[in-house]
């Protein structure tokens, strides 16, 4: 699965990544380097994070449906 970011999303995440590296590691990143790191994270970590979020949402919705069933069974 390929995760695509809009230009606005990519720009926002790039700026957050640059700020994080400066705050946490005292290292300045160029836009180019930040884009490379961001692309690698999205490619390598994105699908796992996405799938986990989908499973979490599925469990949440199933729980909500069970609660709804319990309300109408009374």
PDB file of N, CA and C in Angstrom:
ATOM      1  N   UNK A   1       0.840  -1.171   0.000  1.00  0.00           N
ATOM      2  CA  UNK A   1       0.000   0.000   0.000  1.00  0.00           C
ATOM      3  C   UNK A   1       0.895   1.247   0.000  1.00  0.00           C
ATOM      4  N   UNK A   2       0.543   2.163  -0.826  1.00  0.00           N
ATOM      5  CA  UNK A   2       1.309   3.407  -0.887  1.00  0.00           C
ATOM      6  C   UNK A   2       0.511   4.522  -0.222  1.00  0.00           C
ATOM      7  N   UNK A   3       1.163   5.220   0.673  1.00  0.00           N
ATOM      8  CA  UNK A   3       0.537   6.347   1.357  1.00  0.00           C
ATOM      9  C   UNK A   3       0.988   7.622   0.664  1.00  0.00           C
ATOM     10  N   UNK A   4       0.020   8.408   0.230  1.00  0.00           N
ATOM     11  CA  UNK A   4       0.345   9.660  -0.454  1.00  0.00           C
ATOM     12  C   UNK A   4      -0.073  10.830   0.426  1.00  0.00           C
ATOM     13  N   UNK A   5       0.811  11.787   0.520  1.00  0.00           N
ATOM     14  CA  UNK A   5       0.532  13.006   1.270  1.00  0.00           C
ATOM     15  C   UNK A   5       0.298  14.147   0.293  1.00  0.00           C
ATOM     16  N   UNK A   6      -0.632  15.014   0.636  1.00  0.00           N
ATOM     17  CA  UNK A   6      -0.835  16.204  -0.186  1.00  0.00           C
ATOM     18  C   UNK A   6       0.366  17.126   0.016  1.00  0.00           C
ATOM     19  N   UNK A   7       0.593  18.051  -0.905  1.00  0.00           N
ATOM     20  CA  UNK A   7       1.697  18.996  -0.722  1.00  0.00           C
ATOM     21  C   UNK A   7       1.583  19.768   0.601  1.00  0.00           C
ATOM     22  N   UNK A   8       0.365  20.098   1.004  1.00  0.00           N
ATOM     23  CA  UNK A   8       0.172  20.820   2.264  1.00  0.00           C
ATOM     24  C   UNK A   8       0.536  19.940   3.454  1.00  0.00           C
ATOM     25  N   UNK A   9       0.127  18.670   3.421  1.00  0.00           N
ATOM     26  CA  UNK A   9       0.463  17.751   4.511  1.00  0.00           C
ATOM     27  C   UNK A   9       1.973  17.551   4.588  1.00  0.00           C
ATOM     28  N   UNK A  10       2.591  17.358   3.420  1.00  0.00           N
ATOM     29  CA  UNK A  10       4.035  17.127   3.389  1.00  0.00           C
ATOM     30  C   UNK A  10       4.785  18.346   3.927  1.00  0.00           C
ATOM     31  N   UNK A  11       4.358  19.525   3.545  1.00  0.00           N
ATOM     32  CA  UNK A  11       5.006  20.747   4.021  1.00  0.00           C
ATOM     33  C   UNK A  11       4.860  20.884   5.538  1.00  0.00           C
ATOM     34  N   UNK A  12       3.668  20.604   6.046  1.00  0.00           N
ATOM     35  CA  UNK A  12       3.431  20.696   7.497  1.00  0.00           C
ATOM     36  C   UNK A  12       4.304  19.695   8.253  1.00  0.00           C
ATOM     37  N   UNK A  13       4.364  18.460   7.759  1.00  0.00           N
ATOM     38  CA  UNK A  13       5.182  17.441   8.417  1.00  0.00           C
ATOM     39  C   UNK A  13       6.673  17.753   8.295  1.00  0.00           C
ATOM     40  N   UNK A  14       7.083  18.295   7.148  1.00  0.00           N
ATOM     41  CA  UNK A  14       8.487  18.689   6.962  1.00  0.00           C
ATOM     42  C   UNK A  14       8.881  19.721   8.013  1.00  0.00           C
ATOM     43  N   UNK A  15       8.037  20.718   8.214  1.00  0.00           N
ATOM     44  CA  UNK A  15       8.339  21.769   9.185  1.00  0.00           C
ATOM     45  C   UNK A  15       8.381  21.204  10.610  1.00  0.00           C
ATOM     46  N   UNK A  16       7.486  20.284  10.911  1.00  0.00           N
ATOM     47  CA  UNK A  16       7.500  19.651  12.239  1.00  0.00           C
ATOM     48  C   UNK A  16       8.763  18.822  12.433  1.00  0.00           C
ATOM     49  N   UNK A  17       9.180  18.119  11.395  1.00  0.00           N
ATOM     50  CA  UNK A  17      10.391  17.308  11.465  1.00  0.00           C
ATOM     51  C   UNK A  17      11.624  18.186  11.658  1.00  0.00           C
ATOM     52  N   UNK A  18      11.693  19.275  10.930  1.00  0.00           N
ATOM     53  CA  UNK A  18      12.818  20.211  11.064  1.00  0.00           C
ATOM     54  C   UNK A  18      12.858  20.771  12.490  1.00  0.00           C
ATOM     55  N   UNK A  19      11.696  21.149  13.017  1.00  0.00           N
ATOM     56  CA  UNK A  19      11.632  21.694  14.376  1.00  0.00           C
ATOM     57  C   UNK A  19      12.009  20.631  15.408  1.00  0.00           C
ATOM     58  N   UNK A  20      11.548  19.397  15.200  1.00  0.00           N
ATOM     59  CA  UNK A  20      11.865  18.321  16.136  1.00  0.00           C
ATOM     60  C   UNK A  20      13.365  18.054  16.187  1.00  0.00           C
ATOM     61  N   UNK A  21      13.998  17.981  15.020  1.00  0.00           N
ATOM     62  CA  UNK A  21      15.437  17.722  14.987  1.00  0.00           C
ATOM     63  C   UNK A  21      16.207  18.854  15.657  1.00  0.00           C
ATOM     64  N   UNK A  22      15.757  20.072  15.465  1.00  0.00           N
ATOM     65  CA  UNK A  22      16.434  21.209  16.086  1.00  0.00           C
ATOM     66  C   UNK A  22      16.242  21.179  17.608  1.00  0.00           C
ATOM     67  N   UNK A  23      15.012  20.932  18.057  1.00  0.00           N
ATOM     68  CA  UNK A  23      14.721  20.922  19.501  1.00  0.00           C
ATOM     69  C   UNK A  23      15.329  19.720  20.210  1.00  0.00           C
ATOM     70  N   UNK A  24      15.165  18.535  19.621  1.00  0.00           N
ATOM     71  CA  UNK A  24      15.562  17.303  20.298  1.00  0.00           C
ATOM     72  C   UNK A  24      17.020  16.921  20.095  1.00  0.00           C
ATOM     73  N   UNK A  25      17.569  17.241  18.945  1.00  0.00           N
ATOM     74  CA  UNK A  25      18.928  16.793  18.612  1.00  0.00           C
ATOM     75  C   UNK A  25      19.897  17.935  18.350  1.00  0.00           C
ATOM     76  N   UNK A  26      19.394  19.176  18.433  1.00  0.00           N
ATOM     77  CA  UNK A  26      20.216  20.354  18.160  1.00  0.00           C
ATOM     78  C   UNK A  26      20.900  20.236  16.794  1.00  0.00           C
ATOM     79  N   UNK A  27      20.138  19.729  15.826  1.00  0.00           N
ATOM     80  CA  UNK A  27      20.655  19.543  14.470  1.00  0.00           C
ATOM     81  C   UNK A  27      19.719  20.223  13.476  1.00  0.00           C
ATOM     82  N   UNK A  28      20.289  21.023  12.606  1.00  0.00           N
ATOM     83  CA  UNK A  28      19.491  21.684  11.584  1.00  0.00           C
ATOM     84  C   UNK A  28      19.367  20.780  10.364  1.00  0.00           C
ATOM     85  N   UNK A  29      18.151  20.678   9.854  1.00  0.00           N
ATOM     86  CA  UNK A  29      17.893  19.901   8.645  1.00  0.00           C
ATOM     87  C   UNK A  29      17.517  20.836   7.513  1.00  0.00           C
ATOM     88  N   UNK A  30      18.027  20.547   6.339  1.00  0.00           N
ATOM     89  CA  UNK A  30      17.564  21.261   5.160  1.00  0.00           C
ATOM     90  C   UNK A  30      16.207  20.686   4.762  1.00  0.00           C
ATOM     91  N   UNK A  31      15.492  21.412   3.928  1.00  0.00           N
ATOM     92  CA  UNK A  31      14.219  20.891   3.430  1.00  0.00           C
ATOM     93  C   UNK A  31      14.438  19.569   2.701  1.00  0.00           C
ATOM     94  N   UNK A  32      15.519  19.485   1.924  1.00  0.00           N
ATOM     95  CA  UNK A  32      15.827  18.273   1.169  1.00  0.00           C
ATOM     96  C   UNK A  32      16.029  17.077   2.104  1.00  0.00           C
ATOM     97  N   UNK A  33      16.836  17.265   3.129  1.00  0.00           N
ATOM     98  CA  UNK A  33      17.115  16.181   4.072  1.00  0.00           C
ATOM     99  C   UNK A  33      15.847  15.798   4.840  1.00  0.00           C
ATOM    100  N   UNK A  34      15.068  16.781   5.237  1.00  0.00           N
ATOM    101  CA  UNK A  34      13.820  16.512   5.944  1.00  0.00           C
ATOM    102  C   UNK A  34      12.864  15.726   5.047  1.00  0.00           C
ATOM    103  N   UNK A  35      12.800  16.076   3.763  1.00  0.00           N
ATOM    104  CA  UNK A  35      11.955  15.336   2.826  1.00  0.00           C
ATOM    105  C   UNK A  35      12.417  13.894   2.680  1.00  0.00           C
ATOM    106  N   UNK A  36      13.715  13.676   2.647  1.00  0.00           N
ATOM    107  CA  UNK A  36      14.231  12.308   2.542  1.00  0.00           C
ATOM    108  C   UNK A  36      13.844  11.479   3.772  1.00  0.00           C
ATOM    109  N   UNK A  37      13.998  12.054   4.951  1.00  0.00           N
ATOM    110  CA  UNK A  37      13.641  11.357   6.187  1.00  0.00           C
ATOM    111  C   UNK A  37      12.138  11.101   6.224  1.00  0.00           C
ATOM    112  N   UNK A  38      11.354  12.113   5.881  1.00  0.00           N
ATOM    113  CA  UNK A  38       9.903  11.977   5.886  1.00  0.00           C
ATOM    114  C   UNK A  38       9.455  10.894   4.907  1.00  0.00           C
ATOM    115  N   UNK A  39      10.007  10.900   3.704  1.00  0.00           N
ATOM    116  CA  UNK A  39       9.653   9.878   2.706  1.00  0.00           C
ATOM    117  C   UNK A  39      10.003   8.479   3.210  1.00  0.00           C
ATOM    118  N   UNK A  40      11.147   8.331   3.855  1.00  0.00           N
ATOM    119  CA  UNK A  40      11.549   7.025   4.388  1.00  0.00           C
ATOM    120  C   UNK A  40      10.598   6.590   5.498  1.00  0.00           C
ATOM    121  N   UNK A  41      10.223   7.510   6.396  1.00  0.00           N
ATOM    122  CA  UNK A  41       9.295   7.172   7.469  1.00  0.00           C
ATOM    123  C   UNK A  41       7.941   6.740   6.909  1.00  0.00           C
ATOM    124  N   UNK A  42       7.444   7.510   5.959  1.00  0.00           N
ATOM    125  CA  UNK A  42       6.132   7.194   5.378  1.00  0.00           C
ATOM    126  C   UNK A  42       6.181   5.842   4.675  1.00  0.00           C
ATOM    127  N   UNK A  43       7.242   5.578   3.946  1.00  0.00           N
ATOM    128  CA  UNK A  43       7.366   4.320   3.218  1.00  0.00           C
ATOM    129  C   UNK A  43       7.524   3.126   4.155  1.00  0.00           C
ATOM    130  N   UNK A  44       8.382   3.265   5.153  1.00  0.00           N
ATOM    131  CA  UNK A  44       8.725   2.122   6.002  1.00  0.00           C
ATOM    132  C   UNK A  44       7.809   1.960   7.221  1.00  0.00           C
ATOM    133  N   UNK A  45       7.329   3.051   7.777  1.00  0.00           N
ATOM    134  CA  UNK A  45       6.515   2.995   8.988  1.00  0.00           C
ATOM    135  C   UNK A  45       5.032   3.259   8.739  1.00  0.00           C
ATOM    136  N   UNK A  46       4.743   3.995   7.700  1.00  0.00           N
ATOM    137  CA  UNK A  46       3.373   4.412   7.418  1.00  0.00           C
ATOM    138  C   UNK A  46       2.365   3.284   7.339  1.00  0.00           C
ATOM    139  N   UNK A  47       2.635   2.231   6.548  1.00  0.00           N
ATOM    140  CA  UNK A  47       1.641   1.159   6.436  1.00  0.00           C
ATOM    141  C   UNK A  47       1.318   0.482   7.771  1.00  0.00           C
ATOM    142  N   UNK A  48       2.313   0.260   8.593  1.00  0.00           N
ATOM    143  CA  UNK A  48       2.076  -0.368   9.897  1.00  0.00           C
ATOM    144  C   UNK A  48       1.242   0.545  10.796  1.00  0.00           C
ATOM    145  N   UNK A  49       1.556   1.825  10.805  1.00  0.00           N
ATOM    146  CA  UNK A  49       0.792   2.784  11.607  1.00  0.00           C
ATOM    147  C   UNK A  49      -0.643   2.871  11.090  1.00  0.00           C
ATOM    148  N   UNK A  50      -0.799   2.920   9.777  1.00  0.00           N
ATOM    149  CA  UNK A  50      -2.120   2.985   9.158  1.00  0.00           C
ATOM    150  C   UNK A  50      -2.948   1.755   9.527  1.00  0.00           C
ATOM    151  N   UNK A  51      -2.365   0.570   9.363  1.00  0.00           N
ATOM    152  CA  UNK A  51      -3.090  -0.660   9.660  1.00  0.00           C
ATOM    153  C   UNK A  51      -3.472  -0.750  11.132  1.00  0.00           C
ATOM    154  N   UNK A  52      -2.598  -0.307  12.013  1.00  0.00           N
ATOM    155  CA  UNK A  52      -2.910  -0.295  13.443  1.00  0.00           C
ATOM    156  C   UNK A  52      -4.073   0.651  13.726  1.00  0.00           C
ATOM    157  N   UNK A  53      -4.063   1.811  13.101  1.00  0.00           N
ATOM    158  CA  UNK A  53      -5.152   2.773  13.297  1.00  0.00           C
ATOM    159  C   UNK A  53      -6.472   2.204  12.798  1.00  0.00           C
ATOM    160  N   UNK A  54      -6.456   1.507  11.666  1.00  0.00           N
ATOM    161  CA  UNK A  54      -7.675   0.892  11.134  1.00  0.00           C
ATOM    162  C   UNK A  54      -8.192  -0.173  12.098  1.00  0.00           C
ATOM    163  N   UNK A  55      -7.307  -1.010  12.623  1.00  0.00           N
ATOM    164  CA  UNK A  55      -7.723  -2.045  13.568  1.00  0.00           C
ATOM    165  C   UNK A  55      -8.277  -1.431  14.855  1.00  0.00           C
ATOM    166  N   UNK A  56      -7.644  -0.368  15.334  1.00  0.00           N
ATOM    167  CA  UNK A  56      -8.138   0.325  16.531  1.00  0.00           C
ATOM    168  C   UNK A  56      -9.533   0.896  16.286  1.00  0.00           C
ATOM    169  N   UNK A  57      -9.738   1.504  15.121  1.00  0.00           N
ATOM    170  CA  UNK A  57     -11.044   2.087  14.800  1.00  0.00           C
ATOM    171  C   UNK A  57     -12.085   0.988  14.651  1.00  0.00           C
ATOM    172  N   UNK A  58     -11.713  -0.127  14.045  1.00  0.00           N
ATOM    173  CA  UNK A  58     -12.634  -1.254  13.898  1.00  0.00           C
ATOM    174  C   UNK A  58     -13.067  -1.767  15.277  1.00  0.00           C
ATOM    175  N   UNK A  59     -12.124  -1.937  16.187  1.00  0.00           N
ATOM    176  CA  UNK A  59     -12.444  -2.396  17.541  1.00  0.00           C
ATOM    177  C   UNK A  59     -13.347  -1.388  18.250  1.00  0.00           C
ATOM    178  N   UNK A  60     -13.065  -0.114  18.087  1.00  0.00           N
ATOM    179  CA  UNK A  60     -13.880   0.931  18.704  1.00  0.00           C
ATOM    180  C   UNK A  60     -15.319   0.887  18.176  1.00  0.00           C
ATOM    181  N   UNK A  61     -15.458   0.796  16.849  1.00  0.00           N
ATOM    182  CA  UNK A  61     -16.796   0.778  16.260  1.00  0.00           C
ATOM    183  C   UNK A  61     -17.572  -0.479  16.664  1.00  0.00           C
ATOM    184  N   UNK A  62     -16.897  -1.618  16.707  1.00  0.00           N
ATOM    185  CA  UNK A  62     -17.564  -2.843  17.149  1.00  0.00           C
ATOM    186  C   UNK A  62     -18.033  -2.712  18.598  1.00  0.00           C
ATOM    187  N   UNK A  63     -17.218  -2.096  19.424  1.00  0.00           N
ATOM    188  CA  UNK A  63     -17.592  -1.855  20.816  1.00  0.00           C
ATOM    189  C   UNK A  63     -18.816  -0.940  20.897  1.00  0.00           C
ATOM    190  N   UNK A  64     -18.835   0.085  20.069  1.00  0.00           N
ATOM    191  CA  UNK A  64     -19.979   1.004  20.054  1.00  0.00           C
ATOM    192  C   UNK A  64     -21.244   0.280  19.604  1.00  0.00           C
ATOM    193  N   UNK A  65     -21.117  -0.609  18.620  1.00  0.00           N
ATOM    194  CA  UNK A  65     -22.272  -1.373  18.148  1.00  0.00           C
ATOM    195  C   UNK A  65     -22.787  -2.313  19.229  1.00  0.00           C
ATOM    196  N   UNK A  66     -21.874  -2.914  19.977  1.00  0.00           N
ATOM    197  CA  UNK A  66     -22.280  -3.782  21.083  1.00  0.00           C
ATOM    198  C   UNK A  66     -23.030  -2.979  22.140  1.00  0.00           C
ATOM    199  N   UNK A  67     -22.542  -1.775  22.430  1.00  0.00           N
ATOM    200  CA  UNK A  67     -23.236  -0.910  23.395  1.00  0.00           C
ATOM    201  C   UNK A  67     -24.623  -0.564  22.887  1.00  0.00           C
ATOM    202  N   UNK A  68     -24.741  -0.307  21.595  1.00  0.00           N
ATOM    203  CA  UNK A  68     -26.038   0.037  21.003  1.00  0.00           C
ATOM    204  C   UNK A  68     -26.982  -1.149  21.080  1.00  0.00           C
ATOM    205  N   UNK A  69     -26.471  -2.342  20.805  1.00  0.00           N
ATOM    206  CA  UNK A  69     -27.286  -3.551  20.932  1.00  0.00           C
ATOM    207  C   UNK A  69     -27.794  -3.720  22.356  1.00  0.00           C
ATOM    208  N   UNK A  70     -26.944  -3.475  23.318  1.00  0.00           N
ATOM    209  CA  UNK A  70     -27.316  -3.627  24.718  1.00  0.00           C
ATOM    210  C   UNK A  70     -28.437  -2.646  25.097  1.00  0.00           C
ATOM    211  N   UNK A  71     -28.396  -1.464  24.551  1.00  0.00           N
ATOM    212  CA  UNK A  71     -29.424  -0.454  24.850  1.00  0.00           C
ATOM    213  C   UNK A  71     -30.779  -0.913  24.321  1.00  0.00           C
ATOM    214  N   UNK A  72     -30.794  -1.458  23.096  1.00  0.00           N
ATOM    215  CA  UNK A  72     -32.068  -1.840  22.481  1.00  0.00           C
ATOM    216  C   UNK A  72     -32.576  -3.196  22.936  1.00  0.00           C
ATOM    217  N   UNK A  73     -31.761  -3.974  23.620  1.00  0.00           N
ATOM    218  CA  UNK A  73     -32.191  -5.279  24.121  1.00  0.00           C
ATOM    219  C   UNK A  73     -33.021  -5.138  25.389  1.00  0.00           C
ATOM    220  N   UNK A  74     -32.970  -4.004  26.047  1.00  0.00           N
ATOM    221  CA  UNK A  74     -33.688  -3.814  27.318  1.00  0.00           C
ATOM    222  C   UNK A  74     -35.161  -3.715  27.135  1.00  0.00           C
TER     223      UNK A  74
END
